[in-house]
Structure formats: structure tokens, C-alpha cells
């Protein structure tokens, strides 16, 4: 997928974010500190990580600055409401940054944290892939906690199988 305008990208990204938000809504405060293994991200860390990377790595680098990502610890936001507010505020700030990009800006290069050049539209595509990756991890975490999670597009794999043509 080639991104040709900030406006169309934002429209697409907001749809991706809506699916992430539907998942985050089923997270209960008592699940925030859950991790499947000591030393790995907690549920809260995952949410803060998506937010902090979006704003302080992607938002900064597409603005021509160096990545300012400093991690995803409790110092960023602690407690359910604060974490959700942080998640939403970082997204709002990033969308504001993206909305200022012209179509030509999307073809400029920016520097990744590893000092590799990448075209901005490709970097924005990577930002979406990053969110989807961590959303997938959140699905697994919540399934391990026996939390019923929303279907990403409305149907489970079993429902799609039931609706599909039997051709074998």
C-alpha cells in the first residue's frame, strides 16, 4: 500500500485505531499488570508502548527530529484512566503532526532510530504494522486471562467457516 496523502492515511489509520480501541475497552483495571512471563511487557506496558512509540518515535522522526522514545513504564501513566488518557493524547498529538504533512512531504526521507533513511509514507505504514503487532499481543494476553475479546471484523474464524462454501 502506497500512501499518497496525509488525509487518506489518517482516515485509514483511524479505522485501524478504532479496532485497537474496541480491544482496549474490554481490558479491566485488574488486568493491567498482567504479563505472561516475568520481565515481559504487562498489558499496561503494551498500551503505553503503542502510544509512546507512535508519538515519540514515529511522530518525531517524520517531523525531521530524532526519536525521543524513552520506554513505556509507569512514569508515563499509571492507573487505568491515566493510561487510557495517555494513549488517546499521544494519538491526538501524532495525528496533528501527520495532518501537517503535504503530499510531497510523504515522499521525503526521514531517519529511523538506527539512522537508516526511509521514505515517510513507508515509515507511516510501518507505524500501523507496529500497532497491529502489539494489538495481536494484547489479544493473546487477554485470551490467556479468559477475557472475551471482540472480533476484529465481526466474525470468528468458526463463523466464517460455517458461512463458507464447502468445496472439498
N, C-alpha and C. Protein backbone atom coordinates (compact mmCIF):
# COMPACT_ATOMS: atom_id res chain seq x y z
N UNK A 1 0.84 -1.18 0.00
CA UNK A 1 0.00 0.00 0.00
C UNK A 1 0.88 1.24 0.00
N UNK A 2 0.71 2.04 -1.01
CA UNK A 2 1.43 3.31 -1.07
C UNK A 2 0.53 4.40 -0.51
N UNK A 3 1.09 5.24 0.34
CA UNK A 3 0.35 6.33 0.95
C UNK A 3 0.65 7.59 0.16
N UNK A 4 -0.40 8.18 -0.43
CA UNK A 4 -0.21 9.34 -1.30
C UNK A 4 -0.68 10.65 -0.70
N UNK A 5 -1.49 10.57 0.37
CA UNK A 5 -1.93 11.81 1.02
C UNK A 5 -2.08 11.58 2.52
N UNK A 6 -1.77 12.61 3.27
CA UNK A 6 -1.92 12.52 4.72
C UNK A 6 -3.37 12.31 5.08
N UNK A 7 -4.26 12.96 4.38
CA UNK A 7 -5.69 12.86 4.67
C UNK A 7 -6.20 11.42 4.52
N UNK A 8 -5.84 10.76 3.42
CA UNK A 8 -6.30 9.38 3.22
C UNK A 8 -5.62 8.44 4.21
N UNK A 9 -4.36 8.72 4.54
CA UNK A 9 -3.68 7.91 5.54
C UNK A 9 -4.37 8.02 6.89
N UNK A 10 -4.68 9.24 7.31
CA UNK A 10 -5.33 9.45 8.60
C UNK A 10 -6.68 8.73 8.64
N UNK A 11 -7.43 8.79 7.57
CA UNK A 11 -8.70 8.09 7.50
C UNK A 11 -8.50 6.59 7.74
N UNK A 12 -7.53 6.01 7.05
CA UNK A 12 -7.23 4.59 7.22
C UNK A 12 -6.74 4.30 8.63
N UNK A 13 -5.83 5.12 9.12
CA UNK A 13 -5.25 4.90 10.44
C UNK A 13 -6.32 4.98 11.54
N UNK A 14 -7.26 5.88 11.41
CA UNK A 14 -8.31 5.98 12.41
C UNK A 14 -9.17 4.72 12.43
N UNK A 15 -9.32 4.05 11.31
CA UNK A 15 -10.05 2.78 11.28
C UNK A 15 -9.26 1.68 11.99
N UNK A 16 -7.95 1.67 11.77
CA UNK A 16 -7.09 0.72 12.48
C UNK A 16 -7.18 1.00 13.98
N UNK A 17 -7.09 2.27 14.36
CA UNK A 17 -7.14 2.65 15.78
C UNK A 17 -8.48 2.30 16.41
N UNK A 18 -9.56 2.42 15.65
CA UNK A 18 -10.88 2.06 16.18
C UNK A 18 -10.92 0.58 16.58
N UNK A 19 -10.28 -0.27 15.79
CA UNK A 19 -10.23 -1.70 16.14
C UNK A 19 -9.38 -1.92 17.39
N UNK A 20 -8.29 -1.18 17.51
CA UNK A 20 -7.46 -1.26 18.72
C UNK A 20 -8.26 -0.77 19.92
N UNK A 21 -8.99 0.33 19.77
CA UNK A 21 -9.80 0.87 20.87
C UNK A 21 -10.88 -0.10 21.32
N UNK A 22 -11.50 -0.83 20.37
CA UNK A 22 -12.51 -1.82 20.76
C UNK A 22 -11.89 -2.89 21.64
N UNK A 23 -10.67 -3.27 21.36
CA UNK A 23 -10.00 -4.27 22.19
C UNK A 23 -9.65 -3.69 23.56
N UNK A 24 -9.11 -2.49 23.57
CA UNK A 24 -8.70 -1.87 24.83
C UNK A 24 -9.89 -1.68 25.77
N UNK A 25 -11.07 -1.46 25.21
CA UNK A 25 -12.26 -1.27 26.05
C UNK A 25 -12.63 -2.49 26.89
N UNK A 26 -12.20 -3.67 26.47
CA UNK A 26 -12.54 -4.87 27.27
C UNK A 26 -11.52 -5.14 28.37
N UNK A 27 -10.44 -4.37 28.40
CA UNK A 27 -9.42 -4.55 29.44
C UNK A 27 -9.95 -3.98 30.75
N UNK A 28 -9.87 -4.77 31.79
CA UNK A 28 -10.29 -4.35 33.12
C UNK A 28 -9.06 -3.87 33.91
N UNK A 29 -9.26 -2.91 34.82
CA UNK A 29 -8.12 -2.40 35.60
C UNK A 29 -7.30 -3.51 36.28
N UNK A 30 -7.94 -4.56 36.72
CA UNK A 30 -7.21 -5.64 37.41
C UNK A 30 -6.29 -6.43 36.48
N UNK A 31 -6.43 -6.23 35.17
CA UNK A 31 -5.58 -6.94 34.20
C UNK A 31 -4.37 -6.14 33.76
N UNK A 32 -4.28 -4.88 34.14
CA UNK A 32 -3.23 -4.00 33.64
C UNK A 32 -1.82 -4.50 33.94
N UNK A 33 -1.62 -5.11 35.08
CA UNK A 33 -0.26 -5.53 35.45
C UNK A 33 0.05 -6.98 35.07
N UNK A 34 -0.85 -7.61 34.33
CA UNK A 34 -0.62 -8.99 33.90
C UNK A 34 0.45 -9.04 32.82
N UNK A 35 1.33 -10.01 32.95
CA UNK A 35 2.31 -10.36 31.93
C UNK A 35 2.40 -11.87 31.90
N UNK A 36 2.60 -12.42 30.75
CA UNK A 36 2.66 -13.88 30.63
C UNK A 36 3.96 -14.45 31.21
N UNK A 37 4.94 -13.57 31.46
CA UNK A 37 6.24 -14.04 31.91
C UNK A 37 6.96 -12.87 32.57
N UNK A 38 7.66 -13.11 33.68
CA UNK A 38 8.40 -12.00 34.31
C UNK A 38 9.38 -11.35 33.33
N UNK A 39 9.44 -10.03 33.40
CA UNK A 39 10.36 -9.29 32.55
C UNK A 39 9.80 -8.90 31.19
N UNK A 40 8.61 -9.38 30.87
CA UNK A 40 7.97 -9.03 29.59
C UNK A 40 6.95 -7.92 29.84
N UNK A 41 6.55 -7.26 28.76
CA UNK A 41 5.55 -6.19 28.87
C UNK A 41 4.31 -6.68 29.60
N UNK A 42 3.77 -5.81 30.44
CA UNK A 42 2.45 -6.04 31.01
C UNK A 42 1.41 -5.53 30.02
N UNK A 43 0.14 -5.77 30.31
CA UNK A 43 -0.92 -5.22 29.48
C UNK A 43 -0.78 -3.70 29.42
N UNK A 44 -0.57 -3.08 30.58
CA UNK A 44 -0.41 -1.62 30.63
C UNK A 44 0.81 -1.17 29.82
N UNK A 45 1.92 -1.90 29.92
CA UNK A 45 3.11 -1.57 29.14
C UNK A 45 2.80 -1.59 27.64
N UNK A 46 2.04 -2.59 27.21
CA UNK A 46 1.70 -2.71 25.79
C UNK A 46 0.96 -1.45 25.32
N UNK A 47 -0.02 -1.02 26.11
CA UNK A 47 -0.80 0.16 25.74
C UNK A 47 0.08 1.41 25.72
N UNK A 48 0.88 1.57 26.77
CA UNK A 48 1.78 2.74 26.82
C UNK A 48 2.80 2.68 25.69
N UNK A 49 3.27 1.48 25.35
CA UNK A 49 4.27 1.32 24.29
C UNK A 49 3.71 1.76 22.94
N UNK A 50 2.51 1.30 22.60
CA UNK A 50 1.89 1.72 21.34
C UNK A 50 1.84 3.25 21.30
N UNK A 51 1.39 3.85 22.39
CA UNK A 51 1.22 5.31 22.45
C UNK A 51 2.55 6.04 22.36
N UNK A 52 3.53 5.61 23.15
CA UNK A 52 4.81 6.31 23.21
C UNK A 52 5.61 6.18 21.91
N UNK A 53 5.60 5.00 21.32
CA UNK A 53 6.30 4.79 20.05
C UNK A 53 5.65 5.63 18.95
N UNK A 54 4.31 5.60 18.92
CA UNK A 54 3.59 6.37 17.90
C UNK A 54 4.01 7.84 17.96
N UNK A 55 3.98 8.41 19.14
CA UNK A 55 4.25 9.85 19.28
C UNK A 55 5.73 10.18 19.26
N UNK A 56 6.52 9.46 20.07
CA UNK A 56 7.91 9.88 20.29
C UNK A 56 8.93 9.25 19.35
N UNK A 57 8.56 8.19 18.66
CA UNK A 57 9.46 7.69 17.63
C UNK A 57 8.94 8.12 16.25
N UNK A 58 7.75 7.65 15.89
CA UNK A 58 7.23 7.99 14.56
C UNK A 58 6.93 9.48 14.43
N UNK A 59 6.23 10.05 15.37
CA UNK A 59 5.88 11.47 15.30
C UNK A 59 7.09 12.37 15.21
N UNK A 60 8.11 12.05 15.98
CA UNK A 60 9.33 12.87 15.96
C UNK A 60 10.10 12.70 14.66
N UNK A 61 10.28 11.46 14.22
CA UNK A 61 11.12 11.24 13.05
C UNK A 61 10.47 11.76 11.77
N UNK A 62 9.15 11.66 11.64
CA UNK A 62 8.53 12.22 10.43
C UNK A 62 8.55 13.74 10.46
N UNK A 63 8.81 14.31 11.64
CA UNK A 63 8.95 15.76 11.77
C UNK A 63 10.37 16.23 11.54
N UNK A 64 11.27 15.29 11.23
CA UNK A 64 12.65 15.64 10.95
C UNK A 64 13.53 15.66 12.19
N UNK A 65 13.02 15.17 13.29
CA UNK A 65 13.80 15.13 14.53
C UNK A 65 14.19 13.68 14.84
N UNK A 66 15.08 13.53 15.80
CA UNK A 66 15.47 12.19 16.25
C UNK A 66 14.39 11.59 17.12
N UNK A 67 14.35 10.27 17.14
CA UNK A 67 13.42 9.56 18.01
C UNK A 67 13.66 9.99 19.45
N UNK A 68 12.57 10.19 20.19
CA UNK A 68 12.65 10.58 21.59
C UNK A 68 11.98 9.54 22.49
N UNK A 69 11.80 8.31 21.98
CA UNK A 69 11.16 7.24 22.75
C UNK A 69 12.03 6.88 23.96
N UNK A 70 11.42 6.89 25.14
CA UNK A 70 12.15 6.61 26.38
C UNK A 70 11.58 5.40 27.14
N UNK A 71 10.80 4.58 26.46
CA UNK A 71 10.24 3.41 27.11
C UNK A 71 8.75 3.55 27.35
N UNK A 72 8.24 2.60 28.12
CA UNK A 72 6.78 2.54 28.31
C UNK A 72 6.40 2.25 29.76
N UNK A 73 7.20 2.74 30.68
CA UNK A 73 6.97 2.47 32.09
C UNK A 73 5.87 3.29 32.72
N UNK A 74 5.61 2.98 33.98
CA UNK A 74 4.54 3.61 34.74
C UNK A 74 4.72 5.12 34.90
N UNK A 75 5.95 5.60 34.74
CA UNK A 75 6.17 7.04 34.88
C UNK A 75 5.42 7.83 33.81
N UNK A 76 5.07 7.19 32.70
CA UNK A 76 4.31 7.85 31.64
C UNK A 76 2.84 8.00 32.01
N UNK A 77 2.30 6.98 32.61
CA UNK A 77 0.89 6.98 33.02
C UNK A 77 0.67 5.73 33.87
N UNK A 78 0.05 5.92 35.00
CA UNK A 78 -0.24 4.79 35.89
C UNK A 78 -1.71 4.84 36.27
N UNK A 79 -2.32 3.69 36.34
CA UNK A 79 -3.74 3.61 36.64
C UNK A 79 -4.55 3.61 35.36
N UNK A 80 -5.65 2.92 35.39
CA UNK A 80 -6.46 2.70 34.19
C UNK A 80 -6.79 3.99 33.44
N UNK A 81 -7.43 4.93 34.10
CA UNK A 81 -7.85 6.17 33.43
C UNK A 81 -6.67 6.95 32.87
N UNK A 82 -5.58 7.02 33.63
CA UNK A 82 -4.40 7.75 33.17
C UNK A 82 -3.77 7.09 31.94
N UNK A 83 -3.75 5.77 31.93
CA UNK A 83 -3.18 5.04 30.78
C UNK A 83 -4.02 5.27 29.53
N UNK A 84 -5.33 5.19 29.68
CA UNK A 84 -6.22 5.40 28.53
C UNK A 84 -6.10 6.85 28.04
N UNK A 85 -6.06 7.79 28.96
CA UNK A 85 -5.89 9.20 28.57
C UNK A 85 -4.57 9.43 27.85
N UNK A 86 -3.50 8.82 28.36
CA UNK A 86 -2.19 8.93 27.72
C UNK A 86 -2.23 8.35 26.30
N UNK A 87 -2.81 7.18 26.17
CA UNK A 87 -2.94 6.50 24.88
C UNK A 87 -3.66 7.43 23.88
N UNK A 88 -4.76 8.00 24.30
CA UNK A 88 -5.53 8.87 23.42
C UNK A 88 -4.82 10.18 23.12
N UNK A 89 -4.18 10.76 24.11
CA UNK A 89 -3.48 12.04 23.91
C UNK A 89 -2.28 11.88 22.96
N UNK A 90 -1.52 10.81 23.10
CA UNK A 90 -0.38 10.60 22.20
C UNK A 90 -0.87 10.41 20.77
N UNK A 91 -2.00 9.75 20.60
CA UNK A 91 -2.56 9.56 19.27
C UNK A 91 -3.00 10.90 18.69
N UNK A 92 -3.68 11.70 19.48
CA UNK A 92 -4.13 13.01 19.02
C UNK A 92 -2.94 13.86 18.57
N UNK A 93 -1.88 13.86 19.36
CA UNK A 93 -0.70 14.64 19.00
C UNK A 93 -0.08 14.14 17.70
N UNK A 94 -0.02 12.82 17.54
CA UNK A 94 0.58 12.26 16.33
C UNK A 94 -0.27 12.58 15.10
N UNK A 95 -1.58 12.47 15.24
CA UNK A 95 -2.46 12.81 14.12
C UNK A 95 -2.28 14.28 13.73
N UNK A 96 -2.10 15.15 14.70
CA UNK A 96 -1.85 16.57 14.39
C UNK A 96 -0.56 16.73 13.59
N UNK A 97 0.46 16.00 13.96
CA UNK A 97 1.75 16.05 13.23
C UNK A 97 1.55 15.55 11.80
N UNK A 98 0.88 14.42 11.65
CA UNK A 98 0.67 13.84 10.32
C UNK A 98 -0.17 14.76 9.46
N UNK A 99 -1.17 15.40 10.06
CA UNK A 99 -2.07 16.26 9.28
C UNK A 99 -1.36 17.47 8.69
N UNK A 100 -0.22 17.82 9.22
CA UNK A 100 0.55 18.95 8.69
C UNK A 100 1.45 18.54 7.52
N UNK A 101 1.53 17.25 7.21
CA UNK A 101 2.36 16.79 6.09
C UNK A 101 1.66 17.04 4.76
N UNK A 102 2.40 17.56 3.82
CA UNK A 102 1.87 17.70 2.47
C UNK A 102 2.06 16.37 1.74
N UNK A 103 1.42 16.26 0.58
CA UNK A 103 1.61 15.06 -0.23
C UNK A 103 3.08 14.89 -0.60
N UNK A 104 3.75 16.00 -0.88
CA UNK A 104 5.18 15.95 -1.22
C UNK A 104 6.01 15.50 -0.01
N UNK A 105 5.64 15.96 1.19
CA UNK A 105 6.36 15.55 2.40
C UNK A 105 6.39 14.03 2.55
N UNK A 106 5.33 13.38 2.11
CA UNK A 106 5.25 11.92 2.26
C UNK A 106 6.34 11.20 1.47
N UNK A 107 6.89 11.87 0.47
CA UNK A 107 7.95 11.26 -0.34
C UNK A 107 9.35 11.61 0.15
N UNK A 108 9.43 12.50 1.16
CA UNK A 108 10.74 12.82 1.76
C UNK A 108 11.24 11.61 2.53
N UNK A 109 12.50 11.68 2.87
CA UNK A 109 13.10 10.65 3.71
C UNK A 109 13.17 11.17 5.14
N UNK A 110 13.11 10.25 6.08
CA UNK A 110 13.37 10.57 7.48
C UNK A 110 14.34 9.52 8.00
N UNK A 111 14.86 9.76 9.18
CA UNK A 111 15.82 8.82 9.77
C UNK A 111 15.15 7.98 10.86
N UNK A 112 15.35 6.69 10.77
CA UNK A 112 14.88 5.79 11.82
C UNK A 112 15.82 5.93 13.02
N UNK A 113 15.47 5.36 14.16
CA UNK A 113 16.38 5.41 15.31
C UNK A 113 17.75 4.80 15.02
N UNK A 114 17.82 3.89 14.05
CA UNK A 114 19.09 3.26 13.68
C UNK A 114 19.84 4.09 12.63
N UNK A 115 19.36 5.31 12.38
CA UNK A 115 19.94 6.22 11.39
C UNK A 115 19.87 5.70 9.96
N UNK A 116 18.86 4.89 9.68
CA UNK A 116 18.60 4.44 8.31
C UNK A 116 17.56 5.37 7.71
N UNK A 117 17.76 5.73 6.46
CA UNK A 117 16.79 6.58 5.78
C UNK A 117 15.62 5.73 5.30
N UNK A 118 14.42 6.29 5.43
CA UNK A 118 13.22 5.63 4.93
C UNK A 118 12.26 6.71 4.46
N UNK A 119 11.54 6.42 3.40
CA UNK A 119 10.53 7.34 2.91
C UNK A 119 9.42 7.46 3.95
N UNK A 120 8.96 8.68 4.18
CA UNK A 120 7.98 8.91 5.24
C UNK A 120 6.73 8.06 5.07
N UNK A 121 6.21 7.92 3.85
CA UNK A 121 5.00 7.13 3.71
C UNK A 121 5.24 5.68 4.08
N UNK A 122 6.42 5.18 3.84
CA UNK A 122 6.74 3.80 4.24
C UNK A 122 6.88 3.69 5.76
N UNK A 123 7.40 4.73 6.38
CA UNK A 123 7.56 4.77 7.83
C UNK A 123 6.18 4.81 8.50
N UNK A 124 5.26 5.56 7.91
CA UNK A 124 3.89 5.60 8.44
C UNK A 124 3.21 4.24 8.32
N UNK A 125 3.46 3.56 7.22
CA UNK A 125 2.92 2.20 7.05
C UNK A 125 3.48 1.28 8.13
N UNK A 126 4.77 1.44 8.44
CA UNK A 126 5.38 0.64 9.50
C UNK A 126 4.75 0.94 10.85
N UNK A 127 4.36 2.20 11.07
CA UNK A 127 3.71 2.58 12.32
C UNK A 127 2.41 1.79 12.51
N UNK A 128 1.65 1.65 11.45
CA UNK A 128 0.41 0.88 11.53
C UNK A 128 0.72 -0.59 11.80
N UNK A 129 1.70 -1.13 11.10
CA UNK A 129 2.08 -2.52 11.32
C UNK A 129 2.50 -2.74 12.78
N UNK A 130 3.20 -1.76 13.34
CA UNK A 130 3.64 -1.85 14.72
C UNK A 130 2.44 -1.92 15.66
N UNK A 131 1.46 -1.06 15.44
CA UNK A 131 0.27 -1.08 16.30
C UNK A 131 -0.45 -2.42 16.20
N UNK A 132 -0.62 -2.90 14.98
CA UNK A 132 -1.32 -4.17 14.77
C UNK A 132 -0.57 -5.31 15.46
N UNK A 133 0.73 -5.30 15.39
CA UNK A 133 1.56 -6.30 16.08
C UNK A 133 1.26 -6.33 17.57
N UNK A 134 1.27 -5.16 18.19
CA UNK A 134 1.03 -5.11 19.64
C UNK A 134 -0.43 -5.36 19.98
N UNK A 135 -1.34 -5.00 19.09
CA UNK A 135 -2.75 -5.34 19.32
C UNK A 135 -2.90 -6.86 19.33
N UNK A 136 -2.21 -7.54 18.44
CA UNK A 136 -2.23 -9.00 18.43
C UNK A 136 -1.72 -9.58 19.73
N UNK A 137 -0.67 -8.98 20.27
CA UNK A 137 -0.16 -9.44 21.57
C UNK A 137 -1.20 -9.23 22.66
N UNK A 138 -1.88 -8.09 22.62
CA UNK A 138 -2.93 -7.84 23.61
C UNK A 138 -4.05 -8.87 23.50
N UNK A 139 -4.41 -9.27 22.30
CA UNK A 139 -5.41 -10.33 22.13
C UNK A 139 -4.97 -11.61 22.83
N UNK A 140 -3.71 -11.96 22.65
CA UNK A 140 -3.20 -13.18 23.29
C UNK A 140 -3.22 -13.03 24.81
N UNK A 141 -2.73 -11.91 25.32
CA UNK A 141 -2.75 -11.68 26.77
C UNK A 141 -4.16 -11.84 27.31
N UNK A 142 -5.12 -11.19 26.67
CA UNK A 142 -6.49 -11.24 27.17
C UNK A 142 -7.09 -12.63 27.04
N UNK A 143 -6.75 -13.35 25.99
CA UNK A 143 -7.20 -14.74 25.89
C UNK A 143 -6.62 -15.59 26.99
N UNK A 144 -5.36 -15.35 27.35
CA UNK A 144 -4.76 -16.09 28.47
C UNK A 144 -5.48 -15.79 29.79
N UNK A 145 -6.06 -14.61 29.89
CA UNK A 145 -6.81 -14.20 31.08
C UNK A 145 -8.29 -14.59 30.98
N UNK A 146 -8.68 -15.30 29.93
CA UNK A 146 -10.08 -15.70 29.69
C UNK A 146 -11.01 -14.51 29.54
N UNK A 147 -10.50 -13.43 28.97
CA UNK A 147 -11.33 -12.26 28.69
C UNK A 147 -11.89 -12.42 27.27
N UNK A 148 -13.21 -12.28 27.14
CA UNK A 148 -13.82 -12.35 25.81
C UNK A 148 -13.41 -11.10 25.04
N UNK A 149 -12.82 -11.31 23.88
CA UNK A 149 -12.31 -10.21 23.06
C UNK A 149 -13.20 -10.01 21.84
N UNK A 150 -13.25 -8.78 21.35
CA UNK A 150 -14.09 -8.51 20.17
C UNK A 150 -13.47 -9.11 18.91
N UNK A 151 -14.33 -9.53 18.00
CA UNK A 151 -13.86 -10.00 16.70
C UNK A 151 -13.37 -8.78 15.92
N UNK A 152 -12.29 -8.94 15.23
CA UNK A 152 -11.70 -7.79 14.54
C UNK A 152 -12.60 -7.26 13.42
N UNK A 153 -13.28 -8.15 12.70
CA UNK A 153 -14.15 -7.71 11.62
C UNK A 153 -15.58 -8.22 11.79
N UNK A 154 -15.92 -8.66 12.97
CA UNK A 154 -17.30 -9.03 13.25
C UNK A 154 -17.59 -10.51 13.30
N UNK A 155 -16.74 -11.35 12.74
CA UNK A 155 -16.99 -12.78 12.74
C UNK A 155 -15.77 -13.54 13.24
N UNK A 156 -16.01 -14.64 13.91
CA UNK A 156 -14.91 -15.52 14.32
C UNK A 156 -14.52 -16.41 13.14
N UNK A 157 -13.39 -17.06 13.22
CA UNK A 157 -12.95 -17.97 12.16
C UNK A 157 -13.98 -19.08 11.98
N UNK A 158 -14.55 -19.55 13.08
CA UNK A 158 -15.54 -20.61 13.02
C UNK A 158 -16.81 -20.14 12.30
N UNK A 159 -17.21 -18.89 12.54
CA UNK A 159 -18.39 -18.34 11.87
C UNK A 159 -18.14 -18.18 10.37
N UNK A 160 -16.96 -17.73 10.00
CA UNK A 160 -16.62 -17.60 8.58
C UNK A 160 -16.62 -18.98 7.93
N UNK A 161 -16.07 -19.96 8.62
CA UNK A 161 -16.06 -21.33 8.09
C UNK A 161 -17.48 -21.83 7.87
N UNK A 162 -18.35 -21.58 8.82
CA UNK A 162 -19.74 -22.01 8.71
C UNK A 162 -20.46 -21.34 7.54
N UNK A 163 -20.14 -20.07 7.26
CA UNK A 163 -20.77 -19.32 6.17
C UNK A 163 -20.17 -19.64 4.82
N UNK A 164 -19.03 -20.30 4.78
CA UNK A 164 -18.30 -20.53 3.54
C UNK A 164 -18.82 -21.75 2.79
N UNK A 165 -18.56 -21.76 1.50
CA UNK A 165 -18.93 -22.86 0.63
C UNK A 165 -18.03 -24.05 0.94
N UNK A 166 -18.65 -25.21 0.99
CA UNK A 166 -17.89 -26.46 1.20
C UNK A 166 -17.51 -26.99 -0.18
N UNK A 167 -16.23 -26.93 -0.50
CA UNK A 167 -15.81 -27.35 -1.85
C UNK A 167 -14.75 -28.44 -1.83
N UNK A 168 -14.75 -29.24 -0.83
CA UNK A 168 -13.77 -30.35 -0.79
C UNK A 168 -14.44 -31.61 -0.34
